[in-house]
PDB file of N, CA and C in Angstrom:
ATOM      1  N   MET A   1    -135.118-106.890 -88.482  1.00  0.00           N
ATOM      2  CA  MET A   1    -134.380-108.087 -88.094  1.00  0.00           C
ATOM      3  C   MET A   1    -135.333-109.250 -87.827  1.00  0.00           C
ATOM      4  N   THR A   2    -136.452-108.995 -87.133  1.00  0.00           N
ATOM      5  CA  THR A   2    -137.387-110.064 -86.812  1.00  0.00           C
ATOM      6  C   THR A   2    -137.969-110.701 -88.068  1.00  0.00           C
ATOM      7  N   SER A   3    -138.284-109.898 -89.079  1.00  0.00           N
ATOM      8  CA  SER A   3    -138.845-110.469 -90.308  1.00  0.00           C
ATOM      9  C   SER A   3    -137.818-111.336 -91.023  1.00  0.00           C
ATOM     10  N   VAL A   4    -136.543-110.982 -90.935  1.00  0.00           N
ATOM     11  CA  VAL A   4    -135.482-111.800 -91.537  1.00  0.00           C
ATOM     12  C   VAL A   4    -135.380-113.131 -90.801  1.00  0.00           C
ATOM     13  N   ILE A   5    -135.458-113.087 -89.486  1.00  0.00           N
ATOM     14  CA  ILE A   5    -135.392-114.326 -88.696  1.00  0.00           C
ATOM     15  C   ILE A   5    -136.575-115.221 -89.032  1.00  0.00           C
ATOM     16  N   ARG A   6    -137.789-114.633 -89.099  1.00  0.00           N
ATOM     17  CA  ARG A   6    -138.973-115.430 -89.448  1.00  0.00           C
ATOM     18  C   ARG A   6    -138.813-116.062 -90.813  1.00  0.00           C
ATOM     19  N   THR A   7    -138.309-115.299 -91.780  1.00  0.00           N
ATOM     20  CA  THR A   7    -138.123-115.815 -93.135  1.00  0.00           C
ATOM     21  C   THR A   7    -137.081-116.921 -93.151  1.00  0.00           C
ATOM     22  N   ASN A   8    -135.957-116.727 -92.455  1.00  0.00           N
ATOM     23  CA  ASN A   8    -134.912-117.748 -92.423  1.00  0.00           C
ATOM     24  C   ASN A   8    -135.398-119.035 -91.777  1.00  0.00           C
ATOM     25  N   ILE A   9    -136.087-118.916 -90.660  1.00  0.00           N
ATOM     26  CA  ILE A   9    -136.599-120.102 -89.977  1.00  0.00           C
ATOM     27  C   ILE A   9    -137.643-120.788 -90.851  1.00  0.00           C
ATOM     28  N   GLY A  10    -138.540-120.018 -91.428  1.00  0.00           N
ATOM     29  CA  GLY A  10    -139.572-120.590 -92.290  1.00  0.00           C
ATOM     30  C   GLY A  10    -138.990-121.321 -93.486  1.00  0.00           C
ATOM     31  N   SER A  11    -138.011-120.716 -94.135  1.00  0.00           N
ATOM     32  CA  SER A  11    -137.367-121.349 -95.293  1.00  0.00           C
ATOM     33  C   SER A  11    -136.644-122.625 -94.879  1.00  0.00           C
ATOM     34  N   ALA A  12    -135.979-122.566 -93.733  1.00  0.00           N
ATOM     35  CA  ALA A  12    -135.269-123.750 -93.246  1.00  0.00           C
ATOM     36  C   ALA A  12    -136.238-124.884 -92.933  1.00  0.00           C
ATOM     37  N   LEU A  13    -137.332-124.561 -92.244  1.00  0.00           N
ATOM     38  CA  LEU A  13    -138.313-125.605 -91.910  1.00  0.00           C
ATOM     39  C   LEU A  13    -138.928-126.210 -93.170  1.00  0.00           C
ATOM     40  N   LEU A  14    -139.231-125.386 -94.143  1.00  0.00           N
ATOM     41  CA  LEU A  14    -139.796-125.883 -95.400  1.00  0.00           C
ATOM     42  C   LEU A  14    -138.815-126.827 -96.095  1.00  0.00           C
ATOM     43  N   SER A  15    -137.557-126.414 -96.214  1.00  0.00           N
ATOM     44  CA  SER A  15    -136.551-127.258 -96.871  1.00  0.00           C
ATOM     45  C   SER A  15    -136.331-128.560 -96.125  1.00  0.00           C
ATOM     46  N   LEU A  16    -136.257-128.475 -94.807  1.00  0.00           N
ATOM     47  CA  LEU A  16    -136.037-129.683 -94.006  1.00  0.00           C
ATOM     48  C   LEU A  16    -137.217-130.635 -94.114  1.00  0.00           C
ATOM     49  N   ARG A  17    -138.424-130.093 -94.061  1.00  0.00           N
ATOM     50  CA  ARG A  17    -139.619-130.939 -94.178  1.00  0.00           C
ATOM     51  C   ARG A  17    -139.657-131.626 -95.532  1.00  0.00           C
ATOM     52  N   LYS A  18    -139.389-130.880 -96.585  1.00  0.00           N
ATOM     53  CA  LYS A  18    -139.424-131.461 -97.929  1.00  0.00           C
ATOM     54  C   LYS A  18    -138.317-132.485 -98.128  1.00  0.00           C
ATOM     55  N   SER A  19    -137.159-132.272 -97.507  1.00  0.00           N
ATOM     56  CA  SER A  19    -136.058-133.227 -97.645  1.00  0.00           C
ATOM     57  C   SER A  19    -136.408-134.581 -97.040  1.00  0.00           C
ATOM     58  N   LYS A  20    -137.325-134.583 -96.075  1.00  0.00           N
ATOM     59  CA  LYS A  20    -137.794-135.834 -95.464  1.00  0.00           C
ATOM     60  C   LYS A  20    -139.116-136.288 -96.061  1.00  0.00           C
ATOM     61  N   THR A  21    -139.575-135.595 -97.090  1.00  0.00           N
ATOM     62  CA  THR A  21    -140.858-135.859 -97.753  1.00  0.00           C
ATOM     63  C   THR A  21    -142.013-136.022 -96.750  1.00  0.00           C
ATOM     64  N   LEU A  22    -142.083-135.083 -95.819  1.00  0.00           N
ATOM     65  CA  LEU A  22    -143.143-135.077 -94.815  1.00  0.00           C
ATOM     66  C   LEU A  22    -144.243-134.105 -95.223  1.00  0.00           C
ATOM     67  N   SER A  23    -145.458-134.422 -94.847  1.00  0.00           N
ATOM     68  CA  SER A  23    -146.538-133.456 -94.977  1.00  0.00           C
ATOM     69  C   SER A  23    -146.410-132.476 -93.810  1.00  0.00           C
ATOM     70  N   MET A  24    -147.115-131.362 -93.893  1.00  0.00           N
ATOM     71  CA  MET A  24    -147.108-130.417 -92.769  1.00  0.00           C
ATOM     72  C   MET A  24    -147.666-131.070 -91.515  1.00  0.00           C
ATOM     73  N   ARG A  25    -148.681-131.882 -91.685  1.00  0.00           N
ATOM     74  CA  ARG A  25    -149.287-132.570 -90.536  1.00  0.00           C
ATOM     75  C   ARG A  25    -148.263-133.469 -89.858  1.00  0.00           C
ATOM     76  N   GLU A  26    -147.523-134.248 -90.658  1.00  0.00           N
ATOM     77  CA  GLU A  26    -146.518-135.158 -90.099  1.00  0.00           C
ATOM     78  C   GLU A  26    -145.406-134.377 -89.384  1.00  0.00           C
ATOM     79  N   ALA A  27    -144.948-133.304 -90.011  1.00  0.00           N
ATOM     80  CA  ALA A  27    -143.894-132.494 -89.393  1.00  0.00           C
ATOM     81  C   ALA A  27    -144.389-131.888 -88.087  1.00  0.00           C
ATOM     82  N   ALA A  28    -145.602-131.377 -88.095  1.00  0.00           N
ATOM     83  CA  ALA A  28    -146.175-130.781 -86.888  1.00  0.00           C
ATOM     84  C   ALA A  28    -146.271-131.811 -85.766  1.00  0.00           C
ATOM     85  N   GLU A  29    -146.691-133.017 -86.089  1.00  0.00           N
ATOM     86  CA  GLU A  29    -146.772-134.074 -85.075  1.00  0.00           C
ATOM     87  C   GLU A  29    -145.400-134.370 -84.486  1.00  0.00           C
ATOM     88  N   GLU A  30    -144.384-134.429 -85.332  1.00  0.00           N
ATOM     89  CA  GLU A  30    -143.026-134.707 -84.855  1.00  0.00           C
ATOM     90  C   GLU A  30    -142.530-133.608 -83.920  1.00  0.00           C
ATOM     91  N   LEU A  31    -142.943-132.373 -84.174  1.00  0.00           N
ATOM     92  CA  LEU A  31    -142.494-131.243 -83.366  1.00  0.00           C
ATOM     93  C   LEU A  31    -143.454-130.928 -82.217  1.00  0.00           C
ATOM     94  N   LYS A  32    -144.506-131.748 -82.097  1.00  0.00           N
ATOM     95  CA  LYS A  32    -145.469-131.619 -80.996  1.00  0.00           C
ATOM     96  C   LYS A  32    -146.190-130.270 -81.003  1.00  0.00           C
ATOM     97  N   ILE A  33    -146.584-129.834 -82.212  1.00  0.00           N
ATOM     98  CA  ILE A  33    -147.327-128.585 -82.377  1.00  0.00           C
ATOM     99  C   ILE A  33    -148.482-128.833 -83.337  1.00  0.00           C
ATOM    100  N   SER A  34    -149.359-127.856 -83.460  1.00  0.00           N
ATOM    101  CA  SER A  34    -150.473-127.988 -84.393  1.00  0.00           C
ATOM    102  C   SER A  34    -149.999-127.744 -85.823  1.00  0.00           C
ATOM    103  N   GLN A  35    -150.752-128.274 -86.762  1.00  0.00           N
ATOM    104  CA  GLN A  35    -150.432-128.049 -88.171  1.00  0.00           C
ATOM    105  C   GLN A  35    -150.534-126.562 -88.498  1.00  0.00           C
ATOM    106  N   SER A  36    -151.485-125.883 -87.892  1.00  0.00           N
ATOM    107  CA  SER A  36    -151.657-124.444 -88.104  1.00  0.00           C
ATOM    108  C   SER A  36    -150.411-123.670 -87.661  1.00  0.00           C
ATOM    109  N   ALA A  37    -149.886-124.007 -86.499  1.00  0.00           N
ATOM    110  CA  ALA A  37    -148.675-123.335 -86.004  1.00  0.00           C
ATOM    111  C   ALA A  37    -147.503-123.612 -86.939  1.00  0.00           C
ATOM    112  N   TYR A  38    -147.367-124.865 -87.360  1.00  0.00           N
ATOM    113  CA  TYR A  38    -146.260-125.209 -88.261  1.00  0.00           C
ATOM    114  C   TYR A  38    -146.363-124.410 -89.554  1.00  0.00           C
ATOM    115  N   SER A  39    -147.560-124.302 -90.089  1.00  0.00           N
ATOM    116  CA  SER A  39    -147.784-123.543 -91.312  1.00  0.00           C
ATOM    117  C   SER A  39    -147.373-122.079 -91.127  1.00  0.00           C
ATOM    118  N   GLN A  40    -147.707-121.507 -89.995  1.00  0.00           N
ATOM    119  CA  GLN A  40    -147.335-120.115 -89.721  1.00  0.00           C
ATOM    120  C   GLN A  40    -145.820-119.950 -89.656  1.00  0.00           C
ATOM    121  N   TYR A  41    -145.135-120.925 -89.097  1.00  0.00           N
ATOM    122  CA  TYR A  41    -143.669-120.862 -89.025  1.00  0.00           C
ATOM    123  C   TYR A  41    -143.062-120.922 -90.426  1.00  0.00           C
ATOM    124  N   GLU A  42    -143.539-121.856 -91.249  1.00  0.00           N
ATOM    125  CA  GLU A  42    -143.008-121.978 -92.611  1.00  0.00           C
ATOM    126  C   GLU A  42    -143.245-120.718 -93.436  1.00  0.00           C
ATOM    127  N   ARG A  43    -144.412-120.109 -93.265  1.00  0.00           N
ATOM    128  CA  ARG A  43    -144.744-118.893 -94.022  1.00  0.00           C
ATOM    129  C   ARG A  43    -144.029-117.668 -93.480  1.00  0.00           C
ATOM    130  N   GLY A  44    -143.452-117.776 -92.300  1.00  0.00           N
ATOM    131  CA  GLY A  44    -142.765-116.643 -91.702  1.00  0.00           C
ATOM    132  C   GLY A  44    -143.688-115.664 -91.015  1.00  0.00           C
ATOM    133  N   SER A  45    -144.923-116.072 -90.741  1.00  0.00           N
ATOM    134  CA  SER A  45    -145.845-115.169 -90.058  1.00  0.00           C
ATOM    135  C   SER A  45    -145.748-115.291 -88.541  1.00  0.00           C
ATOM    136  N   SER A  46    -144.969-116.257 -88.071  1.00  0.00           N
ATOM    137  CA  SER A  46    -144.782-116.461 -86.638  1.00  0.00           C
ATOM    138  C   SER A  46    -143.413-117.094 -86.406  1.00  0.00           C
ATOM    139  N   ILE A  47    -142.880-116.916 -85.217  1.00  0.00           N
ATOM    140  CA  ILE A  47    -141.578-117.489 -84.848  1.00  0.00           C
ATOM    141  C   ILE A  47    -141.817-118.581 -83.809  1.00  0.00           C
ATOM    142  N   PRO A  48    -141.228-119.767 -84.012  1.00  0.00           N
ATOM    143  CA  PRO A  48    -141.425-120.846 -83.028  1.00  0.00           C
ATOM    144  C   PRO A  48    -140.789-120.500 -81.684  1.00  0.00           C
ATOM    145  N   ASP A  49    -141.374-121.044 -80.621  1.00  0.00           N
ATOM    146  CA  ASP A  49    -140.778-120.856 -79.301  1.00  0.00           C
ATOM    147  C   ASP A  49    -139.550-121.753 -79.171  1.00  0.00           C
ATOM    148  N   ILE A  50    -138.812-121.564 -78.097  1.00  0.00           N
ATOM    149  CA  ILE A  50    -137.543-122.281 -77.917  1.00  0.00           C
ATOM    150  C   ILE A  50    -137.752-123.790 -77.841  1.00  0.00           C
ATOM    151  N   LYS A  51    -138.860-124.234 -77.260  1.00  0.00           N
ATOM    152  CA  LYS A  51    -139.132-125.673 -77.170  1.00  0.00           C
ATOM    153  C   LYS A  51    -139.305-126.272 -78.566  1.00  0.00           C
ATOM    154  N   THR A  52    -140.025-125.581 -79.425  1.00  0.00           N
ATOM    155  CA  THR A  52    -140.232-126.067 -80.792  1.00  0.00           C
ATOM    156  C   THR A  52    -138.922-126.060 -81.566  1.00  0.00           C
ATOM    157  N   ILE A  53    -138.110-125.042 -81.373  1.00  0.00           N
ATOM    158  CA  ILE A  53    -136.801-124.992 -82.035  1.00  0.00           C
ATOM    159  C   ILE A  53    -135.939-126.161 -81.560  1.00  0.00           C
ATOM    160  N   PHE A  54    -136.007-126.463 -80.273  1.00  0.00           N
ATOM    161  CA  PHE A  54    -135.260-127.596 -79.723  1.00  0.00           C
ATOM    162  C   PHE A  54    -135.715-128.911 -80.369  1.00  0.00           C
ATOM    163  N   TYR A  55    -137.043-129.127 -80.427  1.00  0.00           N
ATOM    164  CA  TYR A  55    -137.560-130.344 -81.062  1.00  0.00           C
ATOM    165  C   TYR A  55    -137.131-130.417 -82.531  1.00  0.00           C
ATOM    166  N   ALA A  56    -137.192-129.296 -83.244  1.00  0.00           N
ATOM    167  CA  ALA A  56    -136.804-129.268 -84.657  1.00  0.00           C
ATOM    168  C   ALA A  56    -135.327-129.596 -84.815  1.00  0.00           C
ATOM    169  N   SER A  57    -134.483-129.028 -83.971  1.00  0.00           N
ATOM    170  CA  SER A  57    -133.048-129.297 -84.094  1.00  0.00           C
ATOM    171  C   SER A  57    -132.739-130.758 -83.841  1.00  0.00           C
ATOM    172  N   ASN A  58    -133.429-131.363 -82.890  1.00  0.00           N
ATOM    173  CA  ASN A  58    -133.218-132.791 -82.629  1.00  0.00           C
ATOM    174  C   ASN A  58    -133.783-133.657 -83.752  1.00  0.00           C
ATOM    175  N   TYR A  59    -134.985-133.357 -84.183  1.00  0.00           N
ATOM    176  CA  TYR A  59    -135.622-134.177 -85.208  1.00  0.00           C
ATOM    177  C   TYR A  59    -134.890-134.100 -86.550  1.00  0.00           C
ATOM    178  N   TYR A  60    -134.512-132.891 -86.946  1.00  0.00           N
ATOM    179  CA  TYR A  60    -133.862-132.709 -88.249  1.00  0.00           C
ATOM    180  C   TYR A  60    -132.342-132.811 -88.178  1.00  0.00           C
ATOM    181  N   HIS A  61    -131.801-133.021 -86.985  1.00  0.00           N
ATOM    182  CA  HIS A  61    -130.351-133.143 -86.792  1.00  0.00           C
ATOM    183  C   HIS A  61    -129.627-131.903 -87.314  1.00  0.00           C
ATOM    184  N   ILE A  62    -130.042-130.747 -86.816  1.00  0.00           N
ATOM    185  CA  ILE A  62    -129.409-129.497 -87.200  1.00  0.00           C
ATOM    186  C   ILE A  62    -128.891-128.778 -85.961  1.00  0.00           C
ATOM    187  N   THR A  63    -127.971-127.873 -86.183  1.00  0.00           N
ATOM    188  CA  THR A  63    -127.450-127.023 -85.130  1.00  0.00           C
ATOM    189  C   THR A  63    -128.158-125.688 -85.224  1.00  0.00           C
ATOM    190  N   VAL A  64    -128.546-125.162 -84.099  1.00  0.00           N
ATOM    191  CA  VAL A  64    -129.239-123.885 -84.063  1.00  0.00           C
ATOM    192  C   VAL A  64    -128.316-122.852 -83.440  1.00  0.00           C
ATOM    193  N   SER A  65    -128.171-121.723 -84.125  1.00  0.00           N
ATOM    194  CA  SER A  65    -127.411-120.614 -83.551  1.00  0.00           C
ATOM    195  C   SER A  65    -128.310-119.394 -83.485  1.00  0.00           C
ATOM    196  N   TYR A  66    -127.847-118.368 -82.882  1.00  0.00           N
ATOM    197  CA  TYR A  66    -128.649-117.154 -82.711  1.00  0.00           C
ATOM    198  C   TYR A  66    -129.046-116.542 -84.048  1.00  0.00           C
ATOM    199  N   THR A  67    -128.173-116.563 -85.022  1.00  0.00           N
ATOM    200  CA  THR A  67    -128.435-115.851 -86.275  1.00  0.00           C
ATOM    201  C   THR A  67    -128.963-116.716 -87.400  1.00  0.00           C
ATOM    202  N   HIS A  68    -128.763-118.022 -87.346  1.00  0.00           N
ATOM    203  CA  HIS A  68    -129.220-118.857 -88.446  1.00  0.00           C
ATOM    204  C   HIS A  68    -129.285-120.330 -88.044  1.00  0.00           C
ATOM    205  N   LEU A  69    -129.915-121.102 -88.901  1.00  0.00           N
ATOM    206  CA  LEU A  69    -129.929-122.550 -88.719  1.00  0.00           C
ATOM    207  C   LEU A  69    -128.900-123.117 -89.682  1.00  0.00           C
ATOM    208  N   THR A  70    -128.064-124.004 -89.196  1.00  0.00           N
ATOM    209  CA  THR A  70    -127.013-124.584 -90.012  1.00  0.00           C
ATOM    210  C   THR A  70    -127.349-126.036 -90.312  1.00  0.00           C
ATOM    211  N   LEU A  71    -127.411-126.380 -91.566  1.00  0.00           N
ATOM    212  CA  LEU A  71    -127.655-127.774 -91.940  1.00  0.00           C
ATOM    213  C   LEU A  71    -126.396-128.582 -91.712  1.00  0.00           C
ATOM    214  N   PRO A  72    -126.531-129.874 -91.400  1.00  0.00           N
ATOM    215  CA  PRO A  72    -125.336-130.702 -91.134  1.00  0.00           C
ATOM    216  C   PRO A  72    -124.477-130.855 -92.379  1.00  0.00           C
TER     217      PRO A  72
END
């Protein structure tokens, strides 16, 4: 289950970042994290903490639920 969540979050972050034509550095700055951490989230090798998920939901205007991220 955890690997599915990492993959879903990573895929969502990648799609959202590309939809805004942001570099990883720019996206990381917006979410107040390092570029390295952002890269790990996109690749699915790490799961963002709740604060980062909160910043992402506000920045990308998405709703976050327990099982998935829903695009507007």
